[in-house]
Amino acid sequence: MEYETIIAGTQDHVATVTINRPQAMNSFTKTMLAEFAHFWRAVAEDDDVHAVVLRAAPGRAFSTGVDVKAAQEPGGAIMHDNIWTAADPGEKLGPKSNRCWKPVIAAVHGMCAGGGFYWINESDIIICSEDATFFDPHVTYGMVAALEPIGATYRMPVGDVMRMALLGNDERICAATALRIGLVTEVTANDALWDRAQALAAIIAAKPPAATQGTVRAIWESLDLPRSAALQTGLKYCQLGNPVGTAQVDRWAIMGKAKAYATR
């Protein structure tokens, strides 16, 4: 598939996808929905890909959500007019909604607003640059803030989600606050963001892919289950071991080596 709104490539078992509409604050369109759905399916089925870096073209924003102007053009609506057919656009944008269990590292810069949360809500590790800000303007514009904030409650304290949703355009979560409340796990200098995301992805990609993908799937699927059911399902995944049927690492050799561990 030839992409128009994203840039994708793979090197050393790491797939990198870049939201590429900087002239429109990297907002998403109907075309981008289709392209991300294709990308996640292709990554899920490519055993050469062990990890993914999700980032956005340089500019003022990681993404400000849906491109409202494009959505009003003929054929540009992102949701079907029939309410019984209409679906959440996040079902095409997010990796987990597309059953892609490869670890995803999101690198956020600038503004991440509204629909931009579709991506970070389904990422596994989120880092951001010092200039990053997070907010949801829906209520300010007279719209119900529901889908993106609900997804955010699995990553942020409910009180912080409510504050973000209800204050809308009048307050933004800065990088330092995002780190404090657990929305991101690391803040980098603006010019170091992409390199740091690639470095994290490379570390993960070097690990046994059956183990990383099984871990991602087990933890994410647990979020939809009661605790006891989640633990039972997780145990089954542990018992599966390596579904390929061959050892992907020499465990005893690894355990026997002394190494220096990174600290955060």
Protein backbone atom coordinates (compact mmCIF):
# COMPACT_ATOMS: atom_id res chain seq x y z
CA MET A 1 0.00 0.00 0.00
CA GLU A 2 1.32 3.43 -0.94
CA TYR A 3 0.87 5.73 2.04
CA GLU A 4 -0.09 9.40 1.66
CA THR A 5 -0.39 10.56 5.26
CA ILE A 6 2.18 8.44 7.09
CA ILE A 7 5.79 7.38 6.52
CA ALA A 8 6.69 3.80 7.43
CA GLY A 9 9.89 1.79 7.33
CA THR A 10 11.67 -1.08 9.06
CA GLN A 11 15.29 -1.49 10.10
CA ASP A 12 16.94 -3.92 12.50
CA HIS A 13 13.59 -5.42 13.55
CA VAL A 14 12.15 -1.99 14.45
CA ALA A 15 9.29 -0.53 12.42
CA THR A 16 8.99 3.24 12.51
CA VAL A 17 5.78 5.02 11.57
CA THR A 18 5.58 8.80 11.33
CA ILE A 19 2.32 10.74 11.26
CA ASN A 20 3.06 13.03 8.33
CA ARG A 21 0.64 15.94 8.03
CA PRO A 22 2.65 18.73 9.71
CA GLN A 23 0.85 21.37 7.62
CA ALA A 24 -2.35 20.38 9.45
CA MET A 25 -0.94 19.81 12.95
CA ASN A 26 -0.60 16.10 12.09
CA SER A 27 -4.37 15.77 12.38
CA PHE A 28 -5.95 12.61 11.03
CA THR A 29 -8.26 12.18 8.03
CA LYS A 30 -10.33 9.38 6.57
CA THR A 31 -7.32 8.43 4.46
CA MET A 32 -5.08 8.23 7.51
CA LEU A 33 -7.55 5.94 9.27
CA ALA A 34 -7.31 3.46 6.41
CA GLU A 35 -3.53 3.73 6.25
CA PHE A 36 -3.00 3.10 9.96
CA ALA A 37 -5.38 0.13 9.89
CA HIS A 38 -3.30 -1.31 7.04
CA PHE A 39 0.00 -0.49 8.77
CA TRP A 40 -0.89 -2.18 12.06
CA ARG A 41 -2.16 -5.29 10.29
CA ALA A 42 1.01 -5.47 8.18
CA VAL A 43 3.23 -5.07 11.26
CA ALA A 44 1.25 -7.69 13.18
CA GLU A 45 1.79 -10.22 10.41
CA ASP A 46 5.47 -9.43 9.81
CA ASP A 47 7.59 -11.64 12.08
CA ASP A 48 10.67 -9.57 11.20
CA VAL A 49 9.21 -6.66 13.19
CA HIS A 50 9.84 -6.97 16.92
CA ALA A 51 9.00 -3.42 18.07
CA VAL A 52 7.47 -0.20 16.73
CA VAL A 53 8.29 3.49 17.15
CA LEU A 54 5.32 5.82 16.69
CA ARG A 55 6.16 9.47 16.15
CA ALA A 56 4.96 12.56 14.27
CA ALA A 57 6.53 14.90 11.73
CA PRO A 58 8.31 17.90 13.31
CA GLY A 59 6.22 20.96 13.96
CA ARG A 60 3.96 22.39 16.64
CA ALA A 61 2.02 19.19 17.27
CA PHE A 62 2.27 15.44 17.66
CA SER A 63 -1.41 15.48 16.66
CA THR A 64 -4.42 17.66 17.35
CA GLY A 65 -6.89 14.89 16.55
CA VAL A 66 -9.32 14.82 13.65
CA ASP A 67 -8.88 17.28 10.78
CA VAL A 68 -12.23 19.06 11.12
CA LYS A 69 -11.93 20.87 7.78
CA ALA A 70 -11.14 17.69 5.85
CA ALA A 71 -13.98 15.86 7.58
CA GLN A 72 -16.47 18.43 6.25
CA GLU A 73 -15.41 18.00 2.64
CA PRO A 74 -17.40 15.65 0.36
CA GLY A 75 -16.39 12.06 1.14
CA GLY A 76 -14.18 13.19 4.00
CA ALA A 77 -16.36 12.22 6.97
CA ILE A 78 -14.52 9.87 9.31
CA MET A 79 -17.71 8.33 10.70
CA HIS A 80 -20.65 6.84 8.82
CA ASP A 81 -23.81 8.97 8.75
CA ASN A 82 -25.89 5.99 9.90
CA ILE A 83 -25.46 5.85 13.68
CA TRP A 84 -25.91 2.05 13.65
CA THR A 85 -22.99 1.72 11.26
CA ALA A 86 -20.76 4.42 12.71
CA ALA A 87 -17.67 3.21 14.59
CA ASP A 88 -15.09 4.83 16.82
CA PRO A 89 -12.22 6.09 14.58
CA GLY A 90 -9.80 4.91 17.24
CA GLU A 91 -10.55 1.36 16.13
CA LYS A 92 -8.40 2.01 13.06
CA LEU A 93 -5.73 4.24 14.59
CA GLY A 94 -4.62 2.19 17.59
CA PRO A 95 -2.41 -0.92 17.50
CA LYS A 96 -4.34 -2.89 20.13
CA SER A 97 -7.67 -2.22 18.42
CA ASN A 98 -6.11 -3.80 15.34
CA ARG A 99 -4.82 -6.78 17.36
CA CYS A 100 -1.20 -5.82 16.88
CA TRP A 101 0.74 -7.05 19.90
CA LYS A 102 4.17 -5.73 18.94
CA PRO A 103 5.56 -3.38 21.64
CA VAL A 104 4.92 0.26 20.67
CA ILE A 105 7.03 3.20 21.88
CA ALA A 106 5.32 6.56 21.30
CA ALA A 107 7.50 9.66 21.01
CA VAL A 108 5.37 12.75 21.64
CA HIS A 109 6.40 16.32 20.91
CA GLY A 110 4.44 19.56 20.93
CA MET A 111 0.68 19.39 21.31
CA CYS A 112 -1.15 16.11 21.78
CA ALA A 113 -4.82 17.01 21.85
CA GLY A 114 -8.18 15.24 21.66
CA GLY A 115 -7.97 12.47 19.09
CA GLY A 116 -4.19 12.41 19.44
CA PHE A 117 -4.87 10.32 22.55
CA TYR A 118 -6.09 7.45 20.37
CA TRP A 119 -2.45 6.66 19.64
CA ILE A 120 -0.93 7.16 23.06
CA ASN A 121 -3.80 5.38 24.84
CA GLU A 122 -2.78 2.19 23.03
CA SER A 123 1.00 2.58 23.19
CA ASP A 124 3.10 0.53 25.59
CA ILE A 125 5.77 3.08 26.47
CA ILE A 126 5.25 6.82 26.04
CA ILE A 127 8.08 9.32 26.18
CA CYS A 128 7.86 12.99 25.36
CA SER A 129 10.04 16.02 24.71
CA GLU A 130 10.24 19.01 27.02
CA ASP A 131 7.88 21.03 24.79
CA ALA A 132 5.08 18.43 24.90
CA THR A 133 1.63 19.39 26.17
CA PHE A 134 -1.49 17.25 26.54
CA PHE A 135 -5.11 18.44 26.58
CA ASP A 136 -8.61 17.62 25.37
CA PRO A 137 -10.59 20.55 23.87
CA HIS A 138 -13.89 18.73 23.23
CA VAL A 139 -15.90 20.32 26.06
CA THR A 140 -14.64 23.78 25.18
CA TYR A 141 -16.15 23.32 21.71
CA GLY A 142 -19.46 22.06 23.10
CA MET A 143 -18.71 18.39 22.45
CA VAL A 144 -18.85 15.46 24.87
CA ALA A 145 -15.37 14.27 25.83
CA ALA A 146 -15.74 10.52 26.18
CA LEU A 147 -13.74 8.12 24.02
CA GLU A 148 -10.26 9.58 24.42
CA PRO A 149 -10.62 10.37 28.16
CA ILE A 150 -12.03 6.91 28.88
CA GLY A 151 -8.99 5.40 27.19
CA ALA A 152 -6.77 7.72 29.23
CA THR A 153 -8.20 6.43 32.54
CA TYR A 154 -6.17 3.25 32.02
CA ARG A 155 -2.99 5.35 32.09
CA MET A 156 -3.76 8.40 34.23
CA PRO A 157 -5.50 8.88 37.60
CA VAL A 158 -9.22 9.53 37.11
CA GLY A 159 -8.98 12.91 38.82
CA ASP A 160 -6.38 14.09 36.32
CA VAL A 161 -8.44 12.76 33.41
CA MET A 162 -11.53 14.60 34.68
CA ARG A 163 -9.57 17.82 35.12
CA MET A 164 -8.19 17.56 31.60
CA ALA A 165 -11.58 16.77 30.07
CA LEU A 166 -13.57 19.44 31.92
CA LEU A 167 -11.07 22.30 31.69
CA GLY A 168 -10.66 21.67 27.97
CA ASN A 169 -8.73 24.36 26.17
CA ASP A 170 -8.08 26.38 29.32
CA GLU A 171 -5.36 24.15 30.76
CA ARG A 172 -2.64 21.92 29.36
CA ILE A 173 -0.66 19.15 30.98
CA CYS A 174 3.03 19.99 30.61
CA ALA A 175 5.79 17.41 30.20
CA ALA A 176 6.79 17.54 33.87
CA THR A 177 3.21 16.97 35.04
CA ALA A 178 2.72 14.19 32.47
CA LEU A 179 5.73 12.45 34.01
CA ARG A 180 4.46 12.98 37.55
CA ILE A 181 1.01 11.51 36.89
CA GLY A 182 2.33 8.58 34.86
CA LEU A 183 1.09 9.62 31.44
CA VAL A 184 4.68 9.39 30.17
CA THR A 185 7.63 7.48 31.57
CA GLU A 186 10.43 9.79 30.43
CA VAL A 187 11.02 13.36 29.29
CA THR A 188 13.85 14.15 26.88
CA ALA A 189 15.38 17.24 25.35
CA ASN A 190 13.44 18.27 22.25
CA ASP A 191 16.21 17.27 19.86
CA ALA A 192 16.85 13.92 21.58
CA LEU A 193 13.30 12.53 21.43
CA TRP A 194 13.48 10.43 18.28
CA ASP A 195 16.91 8.97 19.06
CA ARG A 196 15.77 7.97 22.54
CA ALA A 197 12.63 6.29 21.19
CA GLN A 198 14.70 4.34 18.67
CA ALA A 199 17.16 3.31 21.39
CA LEU A 200 14.37 1.96 23.60
CA ALA A 201 12.83 0.11 20.66
CA ALA A 202 16.19 -1.41 19.75
CA ILE A 203 16.63 -2.77 23.28
CA ILE A 204 13.18 -4.36 23.19
CA ALA A 205 13.61 -5.64 19.64
CA ALA A 206 16.74 -7.52 20.70
CA LYS A 207 14.75 -9.58 23.18
CA PRO A 208 12.89 -12.80 22.23
CA PRO A 209 9.87 -11.63 20.19
CA ALA A 210 7.59 -14.41 21.40
CA ALA A 211 8.20 -13.24 24.98
CA THR A 212 7.64 -9.54 24.27
CA GLN A 213 4.50 -10.06 22.20
CA GLY A 214 3.05 -12.52 24.70
CA THR A 215 3.73 -10.05 27.50
CA VAL A 216 2.06 -7.20 25.63
CA ARG A 217 -0.98 -9.28 24.79
CA ALA A 218 -1.40 -10.76 28.27
CA ILE A 219 -1.23 -7.39 30.02
CA TRP A 220 -3.49 -5.52 27.60
CA GLU A 221 -6.12 -8.24 27.52
CA SER A 222 -6.13 -8.29 31.32
CA LEU A 223 -7.49 -4.74 31.34
CA ASP A 224 -10.84 -6.01 30.06
CA LEU A 225 -11.13 -8.74 32.71
CA PRO A 226 -11.79 -9.03 36.44
CA ARG A 227 -8.61 -9.66 38.44
CA SER A 228 -9.06 -13.41 38.97
CA ALA A 229 -9.95 -14.02 35.32
CA ALA A 230 -7.01 -11.89 34.21
CA LEU A 231 -4.60 -13.94 36.32
CA GLN A 232 -5.98 -17.22 34.97
CA THR A 233 -5.61 -16.00 31.39
CA GLY A 234 -2.12 -14.71 32.11
CA LEU A 235 -1.13 -18.10 33.53
CA LYS A 236 -2.23 -19.79 30.30
CA TYR A 237 -0.03 -17.44 28.29
CA CYS A 238 2.93 -18.26 30.55
CA GLN A 239 2.29 -21.97 30.06
CA LEU A 240 2.22 -21.57 26.29
CA GLY A 241 5.87 -20.59 26.37
CA ASN A 242 7.28 -19.98 22.94
CA PRO A 243 4.53 -20.77 20.42
CA VAL A 244 7.12 -21.13 17.64
CA GLY A 245 8.41 -24.20 19.45
CA THR A 246 12.13 -23.37 19.42
CA ALA A 247 14.20 -21.60 22.06
CA GLN A 248 14.84 -17.99 21.07
CA VAL A 249 17.59 -17.36 23.62
CA ASP A 250 20.08 -19.32 25.72
CA ARG A 251 18.52 -18.50 29.07
CA TRP A 252 21.25 -20.02 31.19
CA ALA A 253 23.97 -18.16 29.34
CA ILE A 254 22.16 -14.88 29.91
CA MET A 255 21.66 -15.61 33.61
CA GLY A 256 25.33 -16.40 34.00
CA LYS A 257 26.53 -13.09 32.65
CA ALA A 258 27.09 -10.12 34.93
CA LYS A 259 25.98 -6.82 33.41
CA ALA A 260 25.35 -3.22 34.29
CA TYR A 261 21.68 -2.27 34.40
CA ALA A 262 20.31 1.04 33.24
CA THR A 263 18.54 3.14 35.85
CA ARG A 264 15.66 5.54 35.38
